[in-house]
Amino acid sequence: MHTWDKELLRRLLILITDETGMSQRKLAELAGVHHAQVSRWKSGMHRPDYESMTRLGAALRKEYPKLPDLTGALIAATGRSAHDEAPPGIPADAPVCTAEQSLLDDPEINDAARAQLIRVHRLGKHMNCRPLAGEQAAGKAASLQVS
């Protein structure tokens, strides 16, 4: 049985609602679940399933394009992985991740939020892309003290 990080999931859900201004009810709608289920997730009573997290991630990307892709982080927080529950692996020709670069370049995000969002993005293990490489990205992330 997989373990899951209840506190990380709770923090991610709070981060999403804080950054978007959406209600818990709207978050539940995007995930395709009853609003009471989101309360259970936040309290650690129930572990979300893979499908709910992928549905939520996809809806967030569509409705809030300035928000970084949190799908991988949401799935990782549940202790699940794309390898366990979705088609295998990322092909070698998958696009290189640009999410971190977007976060680093976005003038509307303050440094504290930027650092937190990059950390959260990295928790997702770049499930849909290859990690961003390069000295410039590494240097900017280091200046924010992102590990």
N, C-alpha and C. Protein backbone atom coordinates (compact mmCIF):
# COMPACT_ATOMS: atom_id res chain seq x y z
N MET A 1 0.83 -1.18 0.00
CA MET A 1 0.00 0.00 0.00
C MET A 1 0.88 1.25 0.00
N HIS A 2 0.50 2.24 -0.80
CA HIS A 2 1.26 3.47 -0.90
C HIS A 2 0.97 4.38 0.29
N THR A 3 1.99 5.12 0.70
CA THR A 3 1.76 6.15 1.70
C THR A 3 1.52 7.46 0.98
N TRP A 4 0.91 8.37 1.65
CA TRP A 4 0.66 9.66 1.03
C TRP A 4 0.90 10.78 2.02
N ASP A 5 1.22 11.94 1.48
CA ASP A 5 1.58 13.10 2.29
C ASP A 5 0.35 13.98 2.48
N LYS A 6 -0.37 13.73 3.56
CA LYS A 6 -1.61 14.45 3.83
C LYS A 6 -1.38 15.95 3.97
N GLU A 7 -0.30 16.31 4.64
CA GLU A 7 0.00 17.73 4.86
C GLU A 7 0.33 18.43 3.55
N LEU A 8 1.10 17.79 2.70
CA LEU A 8 1.43 18.39 1.41
C LEU A 8 0.17 18.57 0.57
N LEU A 9 -0.68 17.57 0.54
CA LEU A 9 -1.92 17.71 -0.22
C LEU A 9 -2.76 18.86 0.32
N ARG A 10 -2.86 18.94 1.63
CA ARG A 10 -3.63 20.03 2.24
C ARG A 10 -3.05 21.38 1.82
N ARG A 11 -1.72 21.50 1.87
CA ARG A 11 -1.07 22.76 1.50
C ARG A 11 -1.27 23.08 0.02
N LEU A 12 -1.23 22.06 -0.82
CA LEU A 12 -1.46 22.28 -2.25
C LEU A 12 -2.88 22.78 -2.51
N LEU A 13 -3.85 22.16 -1.86
CA LEU A 13 -5.24 22.58 -2.05
C LEU A 13 -5.45 24.01 -1.57
N ILE A 14 -4.83 24.35 -0.46
CA ILE A 14 -4.93 25.72 0.05
C ILE A 14 -4.23 26.68 -0.90
N LEU A 15 -3.06 26.30 -1.39
CA LEU A 15 -2.33 27.14 -2.34
C LEU A 15 -3.18 27.40 -3.58
N ILE A 16 -3.84 26.37 -4.08
CA ILE A 16 -4.68 26.52 -5.26
C ILE A 16 -5.82 27.49 -5.00
N THR A 17 -6.52 27.31 -3.88
CA THR A 17 -7.65 28.20 -3.61
C THR A 17 -7.17 29.62 -3.31
N ASP A 18 -6.04 29.76 -2.64
CA ASP A 18 -5.50 31.11 -2.36
C ASP A 18 -5.07 31.81 -3.64
N GLU A 19 -4.36 31.10 -4.51
CA GLU A 19 -3.84 31.72 -5.74
C GLU A 19 -4.93 32.03 -6.75
N THR A 20 -6.00 31.23 -6.77
CA THR A 20 -7.05 31.42 -7.77
C THR A 20 -8.26 32.18 -7.22
N GLY A 21 -8.41 32.17 -5.90
CA GLY A 21 -9.59 32.80 -5.30
C GLY A 21 -10.84 31.94 -5.42
N MET A 22 -10.67 30.70 -5.86
CA MET A 22 -11.85 29.84 -6.03
C MET A 22 -12.31 29.26 -4.69
N SER A 23 -13.56 28.91 -4.64
CA SER A 23 -14.13 28.29 -3.45
C SER A 23 -13.80 26.81 -3.43
N GLN A 24 -13.99 26.21 -2.28
CA GLN A 24 -13.80 24.76 -2.14
C GLN A 24 -14.81 24.02 -3.02
N ARG A 25 -16.00 24.58 -3.14
CA ARG A 25 -17.03 23.98 -3.98
C ARG A 25 -16.60 23.96 -5.45
N LYS A 26 -15.98 25.06 -5.91
CA LYS A 26 -15.50 25.14 -7.29
C LYS A 26 -14.34 24.15 -7.49
N LEU A 27 -13.46 24.05 -6.50
CA LEU A 27 -12.35 23.09 -6.57
C LEU A 27 -12.90 21.67 -6.73
N ALA A 28 -13.92 21.35 -5.96
CA ALA A 28 -14.56 20.02 -6.05
C ALA A 28 -15.16 19.80 -7.44
N GLU A 29 -15.79 20.82 -7.96
CA GLU A 29 -16.38 20.72 -9.29
C GLU A 29 -15.30 20.42 -10.34
N LEU A 30 -14.17 21.11 -10.24
CA LEU A 30 -13.07 20.87 -11.19
C LEU A 30 -12.51 19.46 -11.06
N ALA A 31 -12.49 18.93 -9.84
CA ALA A 31 -11.96 17.58 -9.60
C ALA A 31 -13.01 16.50 -9.91
N GLY A 32 -14.26 16.92 -10.09
CA GLY A 32 -15.32 15.96 -10.40
C GLY A 32 -15.81 15.19 -9.18
N VAL A 33 -15.77 15.84 -8.01
CA VAL A 33 -16.21 15.19 -6.78
C VAL A 33 -17.17 16.11 -6.02
N HIS A 34 -17.83 15.57 -5.02
CA HIS A 34 -18.70 16.36 -4.15
C HIS A 34 -17.83 17.27 -3.29
N HIS A 35 -18.35 18.46 -2.97
CA HIS A 35 -17.54 19.42 -2.21
C HIS A 35 -17.13 18.88 -0.84
N ALA A 36 -17.90 18.00 -0.27
CA ALA A 36 -17.53 17.42 1.03
C ALA A 36 -16.27 16.56 0.91
N GLN A 37 -16.05 16.01 -0.29
CA GLN A 37 -14.86 15.18 -0.49
C GLN A 37 -13.58 16.01 -0.37
N VAL A 38 -13.62 17.24 -0.83
CA VAL A 38 -12.45 18.11 -0.72
C VAL A 38 -12.13 18.35 0.75
N SER A 39 -13.15 18.52 1.57
CA SER A 39 -12.93 18.67 3.02
C SER A 39 -12.26 17.43 3.60
N ARG A 40 -12.69 16.27 3.13
CA ARG A 40 -12.09 15.02 3.61
C ARG A 40 -10.63 14.92 3.17
N TRP A 41 -10.33 15.38 1.96
CA TRP A 41 -8.94 15.37 1.49
C TRP A 41 -8.09 16.29 2.36
N LYS A 42 -8.61 17.50 2.59
CA LYS A 42 -7.84 18.49 3.36
C LYS A 42 -7.60 18.04 4.79
N SER A 43 -8.54 17.31 5.34
CA SER A 43 -8.38 16.85 6.72
C SER A 43 -7.55 15.57 6.81
N GLY A 44 -7.28 14.96 5.66
CA GLY A 44 -6.52 13.71 5.65
C GLY A 44 -7.36 12.48 5.89
N MET A 45 -8.69 12.65 5.91
CA MET A 45 -9.58 11.51 6.15
C MET A 45 -9.64 10.56 4.96
N HIS A 46 -9.59 11.11 3.74
CA HIS A 46 -9.66 10.30 2.53
C HIS A 46 -8.51 10.65 1.61
N ARG A 47 -7.98 9.64 0.97
CA ARG A 47 -6.91 9.81 0.00
C ARG A 47 -7.53 9.94 -1.39
N PRO A 48 -7.24 11.03 -2.10
CA PRO A 48 -7.81 11.21 -3.44
C PRO A 48 -7.33 10.14 -4.40
N ASP A 49 -8.17 9.85 -5.38
CA ASP A 49 -7.75 8.89 -6.40
C ASP A 49 -7.01 9.61 -7.53
N TYR A 50 -6.34 8.82 -8.31
CA TYR A 50 -5.52 9.34 -9.41
C TYR A 50 -6.37 10.16 -10.38
N GLU A 51 -7.53 9.63 -10.74
CA GLU A 51 -8.38 10.30 -11.73
C GLU A 51 -8.83 11.68 -11.26
N SER A 52 -9.18 11.82 -9.99
CA SER A 52 -9.60 13.13 -9.47
C SER A 52 -8.48 14.14 -9.56
N MET A 53 -7.26 13.70 -9.26
CA MET A 53 -6.12 14.62 -9.29
C MET A 53 -5.75 15.00 -10.73
N THR A 54 -5.83 14.05 -11.66
CA THR A 54 -5.53 14.39 -13.05
C THR A 54 -6.62 15.30 -13.63
N ARG A 55 -7.87 15.04 -13.25
CA ARG A 55 -8.98 15.88 -13.70
C ARG A 55 -8.82 17.30 -13.16
N LEU A 56 -8.46 17.41 -11.87
CA LEU A 56 -8.25 18.72 -11.26
C LEU A 56 -7.09 19.44 -11.94
N GLY A 57 -5.98 18.74 -12.14
CA GLY A 57 -4.82 19.36 -12.79
C GLY A 57 -5.15 19.87 -14.18
N ALA A 58 -5.86 19.07 -14.96
CA ALA A 58 -6.23 19.46 -16.33
C ALA A 58 -7.16 20.68 -16.31
N ALA A 59 -8.12 20.68 -15.41
CA ALA A 59 -9.06 21.80 -15.31
C ALA A 59 -8.34 23.08 -14.88
N LEU A 60 -7.39 22.96 -13.95
CA LEU A 60 -6.64 24.13 -13.51
C LEU A 60 -5.81 24.71 -14.66
N ARG A 61 -5.18 23.83 -15.45
CA ARG A 61 -4.39 24.31 -16.59
C ARG A 61 -5.27 25.07 -17.57
N LYS A 62 -6.48 24.56 -17.77
CA LYS A 62 -7.40 25.19 -18.74
C LYS A 62 -7.96 26.52 -18.21
N GLU A 63 -8.43 26.52 -16.97
CA GLU A 63 -9.11 27.70 -16.43
C GLU A 63 -8.17 28.74 -15.82
N TYR A 64 -6.98 28.31 -15.42
CA TYR A 64 -6.01 29.21 -14.77
C TYR A 64 -4.64 29.01 -15.41
N PRO A 65 -4.48 29.43 -16.68
CA PRO A 65 -3.24 29.16 -17.40
C PRO A 65 -1.99 29.80 -16.78
N LYS A 66 -2.14 30.83 -15.97
CA LYS A 66 -0.97 31.44 -15.32
C LYS A 66 -0.48 30.61 -14.14
N LEU A 67 -1.32 29.74 -13.63
CA LEU A 67 -0.92 28.86 -12.52
C LEU A 67 -0.04 27.76 -13.10
N PRO A 68 1.05 27.42 -12.44
CA PRO A 68 1.88 26.33 -12.97
C PRO A 68 1.12 25.01 -12.96
N ASP A 69 1.57 24.10 -13.78
CA ASP A 69 0.93 22.78 -13.83
C ASP A 69 1.22 22.04 -12.54
N LEU A 70 0.20 21.84 -11.72
CA LEU A 70 0.35 21.19 -10.42
C LEU A 70 -0.09 19.73 -10.44
N THR A 71 -0.43 19.21 -11.61
CA THR A 71 -0.94 17.84 -11.70
C THR A 71 0.01 16.85 -11.05
N GLY A 72 1.27 16.90 -11.42
CA GLY A 72 2.24 15.95 -10.88
C GLY A 72 2.38 16.06 -9.38
N ALA A 73 2.40 17.29 -8.86
CA ALA A 73 2.52 17.48 -7.42
C ALA A 73 1.29 16.95 -6.69
N LEU A 74 0.11 17.17 -7.25
CA LEU A 74 -1.12 16.66 -6.64
C LEU A 74 -1.09 15.14 -6.59
N ILE A 75 -0.70 14.53 -7.69
CA ILE A 75 -0.64 13.07 -7.74
C ILE A 75 0.41 12.54 -6.77
N ALA A 76 1.59 13.19 -6.77
CA ALA A 76 2.67 12.75 -5.87
C ALA A 76 2.24 12.85 -4.41
N ALA A 77 1.50 13.90 -4.05
CA ALA A 77 1.06 14.07 -2.67
C ALA A 77 0.14 12.94 -2.23
N THR A 78 -0.56 12.34 -3.19
CA THR A 78 -1.46 11.23 -2.85
C THR A 78 -0.71 9.91 -2.74
N GLY A 79 0.59 9.92 -3.06
CA GLY A 79 1.37 8.70 -3.01
C GLY A 79 1.14 7.83 -4.23
N ARG A 80 0.48 8.37 -5.20
CA ARG A 80 0.22 7.64 -6.44
C ARG A 80 1.20 8.15 -7.49
N SER A 81 1.29 7.46 -8.60
CA SER A 81 2.15 7.94 -9.68
C SER A 81 1.53 7.56 -11.01
N ALA A 82 1.94 8.29 -12.04
CA ALA A 82 1.47 7.99 -13.39
C ALA A 82 1.91 6.59 -13.78
N HIS A 83 3.08 6.19 -13.31
CA HIS A 83 3.59 4.85 -13.63
C HIS A 83 2.66 3.77 -13.05
N ASP A 84 2.14 4.01 -11.85
CA ASP A 84 1.27 3.04 -11.20
C ASP A 84 -0.11 2.97 -11.84
N GLU A 85 -0.61 4.12 -12.31
CA GLU A 85 -2.02 4.17 -12.66
C GLU A 85 -2.32 4.73 -14.04
N ALA A 86 -1.34 5.00 -14.83
CA ALA A 86 -1.55 5.56 -16.15
C ALA A 86 -0.61 4.86 -17.13
N PRO A 87 -0.71 5.19 -18.38
CA PRO A 87 0.21 4.58 -19.34
C PRO A 87 1.66 4.83 -18.93
N PRO A 88 2.56 3.91 -19.23
CA PRO A 88 3.94 4.00 -18.76
C PRO A 88 4.73 5.15 -19.35
N GLY A 89 5.69 5.62 -18.52
CA GLY A 89 6.79 6.50 -18.87
C GLY A 89 6.58 7.67 -19.78
N ILE A 90 7.54 8.52 -19.76
CA ILE A 90 7.58 9.70 -20.62
C ILE A 90 8.51 9.36 -21.78
N PRO A 91 8.06 9.54 -22.99
CA PRO A 91 8.94 9.24 -24.11
C PRO A 91 10.16 10.16 -24.13
N ALA A 92 11.25 9.67 -24.70
CA ALA A 92 12.49 10.44 -24.76
C ALA A 92 12.30 11.73 -25.54
N ASP A 93 11.33 11.75 -26.45
CA ASP A 93 11.13 12.96 -27.26
C ASP A 93 10.05 13.88 -26.66
N ALA A 94 9.68 13.64 -25.41
CA ALA A 94 8.70 14.52 -24.75
C ALA A 94 9.27 15.93 -24.67
N PRO A 95 8.41 16.93 -24.69
CA PRO A 95 8.93 18.30 -24.63
C PRO A 95 9.64 18.58 -23.31
N VAL A 96 10.62 19.46 -23.39
CA VAL A 96 11.33 19.88 -22.18
C VAL A 96 10.39 20.76 -21.37
N CYS A 97 10.44 20.63 -20.06
CA CYS A 97 9.57 21.40 -19.17
C CYS A 97 9.87 22.89 -19.26
N THR A 98 8.83 23.65 -19.47
CA THR A 98 9.00 25.10 -19.48
C THR A 98 8.28 25.74 -18.31
N ALA A 99 7.67 24.93 -17.45
CA ALA A 99 6.91 25.48 -16.33
C ALA A 99 7.79 26.29 -15.39
N GLU A 100 8.96 25.75 -15.05
CA GLU A 100 9.85 26.49 -14.15
C GLU A 100 10.30 27.79 -14.79
N GLN A 101 10.63 27.75 -16.07
CA GLN A 101 11.05 28.98 -16.75
C GLN A 101 9.93 30.00 -16.72
N SER A 102 8.71 29.55 -16.94
CA SER A 102 7.56 30.46 -16.89
C SER A 102 7.42 31.08 -15.51
N LEU A 103 7.60 30.25 -14.48
CA LEU A 103 7.52 30.76 -13.11
C LEU A 103 8.63 31.76 -12.83
N LEU A 104 9.81 31.46 -13.31
CA LEU A 104 10.95 32.34 -13.08
C LEU A 104 10.79 33.67 -13.79
N ASP A 105 10.13 33.67 -14.94
CA ASP A 105 10.01 34.87 -15.75
C ASP A 105 8.75 35.69 -15.47
N ASP A 106 7.79 35.14 -14.75
CA ASP A 106 6.51 35.82 -14.55
C ASP A 106 6.65 36.98 -13.56
N PRO A 107 6.49 38.22 -14.02
CA PRO A 107 6.66 39.38 -13.14
C PRO A 107 5.52 39.55 -12.12
N GLU A 108 4.42 38.84 -12.32
CA GLU A 108 3.28 38.99 -11.42
C GLU A 108 3.36 38.12 -10.18
N ILE A 109 4.37 37.24 -10.11
CA ILE A 109 4.50 36.35 -8.96
C ILE A 109 5.64 36.85 -8.08
N ASN A 110 5.37 37.03 -6.79
CA ASN A 110 6.45 37.47 -5.90
C ASN A 110 7.40 36.32 -5.62
N ASP A 111 8.61 36.64 -5.13
CA ASP A 111 9.65 35.63 -4.97
C ASP A 111 9.27 34.51 -4.01
N ALA A 112 8.57 34.83 -2.93
CA ALA A 112 8.18 33.79 -1.97
C ALA A 112 7.22 32.80 -2.63
N ALA A 113 6.23 33.32 -3.33
CA ALA A 113 5.27 32.44 -4.01
C ALA A 113 5.97 31.68 -5.13
N ARG A 114 6.86 32.35 -5.85
CA ARG A 114 7.59 31.72 -6.95
C ARG A 114 8.39 30.52 -6.42
N ALA A 115 9.12 30.71 -5.33
CA ALA A 115 9.92 29.63 -4.76
C ALA A 115 9.04 28.46 -4.34
N GLN A 116 7.90 28.77 -3.71
CA GLN A 116 7.00 27.70 -3.27
C GLN A 116 6.42 26.96 -4.46
N LEU A 117 6.01 27.67 -5.49
CA LEU A 117 5.43 27.03 -6.66
C LEU A 117 6.46 26.16 -7.39
N ILE A 118 7.71 26.61 -7.44
CA ILE A 118 8.75 25.79 -8.08
C ILE A 118 8.97 24.52 -7.27
N ARG A 119 9.01 24.64 -5.94
CA ARG A 119 9.18 23.45 -5.10
C ARG A 119 8.04 22.46 -5.36
N VAL A 120 6.81 22.98 -5.39
CA VAL A 120 5.63 22.13 -5.62
C VAL A 120 5.72 21.49 -7.00
N HIS A 121 6.10 22.25 -7.99
CA HIS A 121 6.23 21.71 -9.34
C HIS A 121 7.26 20.58 -9.37
N ARG A 122 8.37 20.76 -8.69
CA ARG A 122 9.41 19.74 -8.69
C ARG A 122 8.96 18.47 -7.98
N LEU A 123 8.04 18.59 -7.03
CA LEU A 123 7.51 17.40 -6.37
C LEU A 123 6.79 16.49 -7.35
N GLY A 124 6.25 17.10 -8.40
CA GLY A 124 5.52 16.34 -9.41
C GLY A 124 6.41 15.51 -10.30
N LYS A 125 7.72 15.61 -10.12
CA LYS A 125 8.70 14.79 -10.84
C LYS A 125 8.58 14.97 -12.35
N HIS A 126 8.10 16.14 -12.80
CA HIS A 126 8.02 16.43 -14.23
C HIS A 126 7.35 15.27 -14.97
N MET A 127 6.15 14.91 -14.56
CA MET A 127 5.48 13.72 -15.08
C MET A 127 5.10 13.82 -16.55
N ASN A 128 4.93 15.02 -17.09
CA ASN A 128 4.51 15.15 -18.47
C ASN A 128 5.61 15.72 -19.37
N CYS A 129 6.81 15.89 -18.83
CA CYS A 129 7.88 16.50 -19.59
C CYS A 129 9.22 16.16 -18.95
N ARG A 130 10.27 16.51 -19.66
CA ARG A 130 11.61 16.32 -19.12
C ARG A 130 11.98 17.56 -18.31
N PRO A 131 12.76 17.42 -17.24
CA PRO A 131 13.12 18.57 -16.41
C PRO A 131 13.85 19.66 -17.20
N LEU A 132 13.61 20.88 -16.80
CA LEU A 132 14.28 22.03 -17.39
C LEU A 132 15.76 21.95 -17.05
N ALA A 133 16.59 22.18 -18.01
CA ALA A 133 18.03 22.16 -17.77
C ALA A 133 18.60 23.52 -18.12
N GLY A 134 19.78 23.77 -17.67
CA GLY A 134 20.45 25.00 -18.05
C GLY A 134 20.88 25.81 -16.87
N GLU A 135 22.00 26.51 -17.04
CA GLU A 135 22.57 27.29 -15.96
C GLU A 135 21.69 28.46 -15.56
N GLN A 136 21.07 29.11 -16.55
CA GLN A 136 20.25 30.28 -16.24
C GLN A 136 19.10 29.90 -15.31
N ALA A 137 18.37 28.82 -15.63
CA ALA A 137 17.26 28.38 -14.79
C ALA A 137 17.76 27.96 -13.43
N ALA A 138 18.85 27.23 -13.39
CA ALA A 138 19.40 26.77 -12.12
C ALA A 138 19.84 27.96 -11.27
N GLY A 139 20.45 28.94 -11.90
CA GLY A 139 20.91 30.12 -11.17
C GLY A 139 19.77 30.92 -10.58
N LYS A 140 18.72 31.13 -11.35
CA LYS A 140 17.56 31.87 -10.84
C LYS A 140 16.89 31.12 -9.70
N ALA A 141 16.73 29.80 -9.88
CA ALA A 141 16.11 28.99 -8.82
C ALA A 141 16.97 29.03 -7.57
N ALA A 142 18.29 28.95 -7.73
CA ALA A 142 19.18 28.98 -6.57
C ALA A 142 19.07 30.31 -5.84
N SER A 143 18.90 31.40 -6.59
CA SER A 143 18.78 32.71 -5.94
C SER A 143 17.52 32.80 -5.09
N LEU A 144 16.53 31.96 -5.42
CA LEU A 144 15.29 31.92 -4.62
C LEU A 144 15.40 30.90 -3.49
N GLN A 145 16.53 30.23 -3.40
CA GLN A 145 16.77 29.19 -2.40
C GLN A 145 15.79 28.02 -2.56
N VAL A 146 15.58 27.63 -3.80
CA VAL A 146 14.73 26.48 -4.11
C VAL A 146 15.63 25.26 -4.15
N SER A 147 15.23 24.22 -3.43
CA SER A 147 16.06 23.00 -3.45
C SER A 147 15.38 21.92 -4.25
